[in-house]
């Protein structure tokens, strides 16, 4: 999975989909996760970085991570890679 190419993400966490006109606001952690994901980091690497930085249990973070990614997919921010 990857972030669709036309999705605009500001430094403040404002996400805009020009295709649909939909916009979303992310909190600081959501923005950080999205930036790490966009940079090509694996779920494991993102989990490691976030749990180290914010002192959160891995199982708790993973629950929220998968919910977050599901929400992004539902709102068509993410798309399947050709090789997925």
C-alpha atoms as a PDB file:
ATOM      1  CA  UNK A   1       0.000   0.000   0.000  1.00  0.00           C
ATOM      2  CA  UNK A   2       1.061   3.587  -0.559  1.00  0.00           C
ATOM      3  CA  UNK A   3      -0.287   7.105  -0.287  1.00  0.00           C
ATOM      4  CA  UNK A   4      -1.971   8.196  -3.515  1.00  0.00           C
ATOM      5  CA  UNK A   5       0.268  10.510  -5.532  1.00  0.00           C
ATOM      6  CA  UNK A   6      -2.203  13.383  -5.747  1.00  0.00           C
ATOM      7  CA  UNK A   7      -2.744  13.621  -1.975  1.00  0.00           C
ATOM      8  CA  UNK A   8      -1.369  16.860  -0.516  1.00  0.00           C
ATOM      9  CA  UNK A   9      -0.102  16.814   3.066  1.00  0.00           C
ATOM     10  CA  UNK A  10       0.959  20.046   4.747  1.00  0.00           C
ATOM     11  CA  UNK A  11       3.558  20.397   7.484  1.00  0.00           C
ATOM     12  CA  UNK A  12       0.738  21.108   9.945  1.00  0.00           C
ATOM     13  CA  UNK A  13      -1.178  17.875   9.225  1.00  0.00           C
ATOM     14  CA  UNK A  14      -3.745  19.152   6.748  1.00  0.00           C
ATOM     15  CA  UNK A  15      -4.481  16.401   4.191  1.00  0.00           C
ATOM     16  CA  UNK A  16      -6.243  17.274   0.942  1.00  0.00           C
ATOM     17  CA  UNK A  17      -7.506  14.998  -1.824  1.00  0.00           C
ATOM     18  CA  UNK A  18      -7.987  17.155  -4.942  1.00  0.00           C
ATOM     19  CA  UNK A  19      -9.862  14.378  -6.721  1.00  0.00           C
ATOM     20  CA  UNK A  20     -12.740  14.346  -4.229  1.00  0.00           C
ATOM     21  CA  UNK A  21     -12.258  17.714  -2.535  1.00  0.00           C
ATOM     22  CA  UNK A  22     -12.103  15.964   0.835  1.00  0.00           C
ATOM     23  CA  UNK A  23      -9.797  17.314   3.520  1.00  0.00           C
ATOM     24  CA  UNK A  24      -8.692  16.009   6.883  1.00  0.00           C
ATOM     25  CA  UNK A  25      -6.646  17.277   9.804  1.00  0.00           C
ATOM     26  CA  UNK A  26      -4.174  15.008  11.555  1.00  0.00           C
ATOM     27  CA  UNK A  27      -2.747  15.430  15.009  1.00  0.00           C
ATOM     28  CA  UNK A  28       1.045  15.520  15.436  1.00  0.00           C
ATOM     29  CA  UNK A  29       1.403  11.755  15.902  1.00  0.00           C
ATOM     30  CA  UNK A  30      -0.844  10.968  12.933  1.00  0.00           C
ATOM     31  CA  UNK A  31       1.216  13.323  10.783  1.00  0.00           C
ATOM     32  CA  UNK A  32       4.441  11.715  11.978  1.00  0.00           C
ATOM     33  CA  UNK A  33       3.126   8.235  11.160  1.00  0.00           C
ATOM     34  CA  UNK A  34       1.984   9.358   7.711  1.00  0.00           C
ATOM     35  CA  UNK A  35       5.356  10.971   7.007  1.00  0.00           C
ATOM     36  CA  UNK A  36       7.199   7.839   8.089  1.00  0.00           C
ATOM     37  CA  UNK A  37       4.888   5.724   5.929  1.00  0.00           C
ATOM     38  CA  UNK A  38       5.307   8.047   2.930  1.00  0.00           C
ATOM     39  CA  UNK A  39       9.085   7.812   3.340  1.00  0.00           C
ATOM     40  CA  UNK A  40       8.825   4.069   2.766  1.00  0.00           C
ATOM     41  CA  UNK A  41       9.231   2.822   6.318  1.00  0.00           C
ATOM     42  CA  UNK A  42       7.743  -0.563   7.129  1.00  0.00           C
ATOM     43  CA  UNK A  43       5.050  -1.010   9.757  1.00  0.00           C
ATOM     44  CA  UNK A  44       7.679  -2.603  11.988  1.00  0.00           C
ATOM     45  CA  UNK A  45      10.039   0.371  11.658  1.00  0.00           C
ATOM     46  CA  UNK A  46       7.210   2.862  12.279  1.00  0.00           C
ATOM     47  CA  UNK A  47       6.156   0.878  15.362  1.00  0.00           C
ATOM     48  CA  UNK A  48       9.719   0.875  16.660  1.00  0.00           C
ATOM     49  CA  UNK A  49      10.208   4.609  16.148  1.00  0.00           C
ATOM     50  CA  UNK A  50       6.882   5.682  17.615  1.00  0.00           C
ATOM     51  CA  UNK A  51       6.942   3.332  20.624  1.00  0.00           C
ATOM     52  CA  UNK A  52      10.500   4.413  21.466  1.00  0.00           C
ATOM     53  CA  UNK A  53       9.719   8.107  21.127  1.00  0.00           C
ATOM     54  CA  UNK A  54       6.374   8.147  22.952  1.00  0.00           C
ATOM     55  CA  UNK A  55       6.884   5.306  25.447  1.00  0.00           C
ATOM     56  CA  UNK A  56       3.778   3.398  24.404  1.00  0.00           C
ATOM     57  CA  UNK A  57       3.313  -0.365  24.481  1.00  0.00           C
ATOM     58  CA  UNK A  58       3.785  -2.051  21.104  1.00  0.00           C
ATOM     59  CA  UNK A  59       0.423  -3.828  21.274  1.00  0.00           C
ATOM     60  CA  UNK A  60      -1.395  -0.581  22.061  1.00  0.00           C
ATOM     61  CA  UNK A  61       0.339   1.304  19.248  1.00  0.00           C
ATOM     62  CA  UNK A  62      -0.274  -1.478  16.726  1.00  0.00           C
ATOM     63  CA  UNK A  63      -3.998  -1.436  17.523  1.00  0.00           C
ATOM     64  CA  UNK A  64      -4.180   2.296  16.817  1.00  0.00           C
ATOM     65  CA  UNK A  65      -1.842   2.019  13.822  1.00  0.00           C
ATOM     66  CA  UNK A  66      -4.053  -0.535  12.063  1.00  0.00           C
ATOM     67  CA  UNK A  67      -7.177   1.501  12.857  1.00  0.00           C
ATOM     68  CA  UNK A  68      -5.472   4.614  11.464  1.00  0.00           C
ATOM     69  CA  UNK A  69      -4.358   2.859   8.278  1.00  0.00           C
ATOM     70  CA  UNK A  70      -7.836   1.402   7.838  1.00  0.00           C
ATOM     71  CA  UNK A  71      -9.321   4.891   8.137  1.00  0.00           C
ATOM     72  CA  UNK A  72      -6.867   6.217   5.521  1.00  0.00           C
ATOM     73  CA  UNK A  73      -7.813   3.396   3.168  1.00  0.00           C
ATOM     74  CA  UNK A  74     -11.534   3.998   3.772  1.00  0.00           C
ATOM     75  CA  UNK A  75     -11.109   7.675   2.844  1.00  0.00           C
ATOM     76  CA  UNK A  76      -9.102   6.670  -0.230  1.00  0.00           C
ATOM     77  CA  UNK A  77      -5.866   8.276   0.939  1.00  0.00           C
ATOM     78  CA  UNK A  78      -4.098   4.955   0.412  1.00  0.00           C
ATOM     79  CA  UNK A  79      -4.032   2.774  -2.659  1.00  0.00           C
ATOM     80  CA  UNK A  80      -2.730  -0.686  -3.389  1.00  0.00           C
ATOM     81  CA  UNK A  81       0.712  -0.935  -4.967  1.00  0.00           C
ATOM     82  CA  UNK A  82       0.854  -2.686  -8.317  1.00  0.00           C
ATOM     83  CA  UNK A  83       2.925  -5.463  -6.725  1.00  0.00           C
ATOM     84  CA  UNK A  84       0.569  -5.894  -3.711  1.00  0.00           C
END
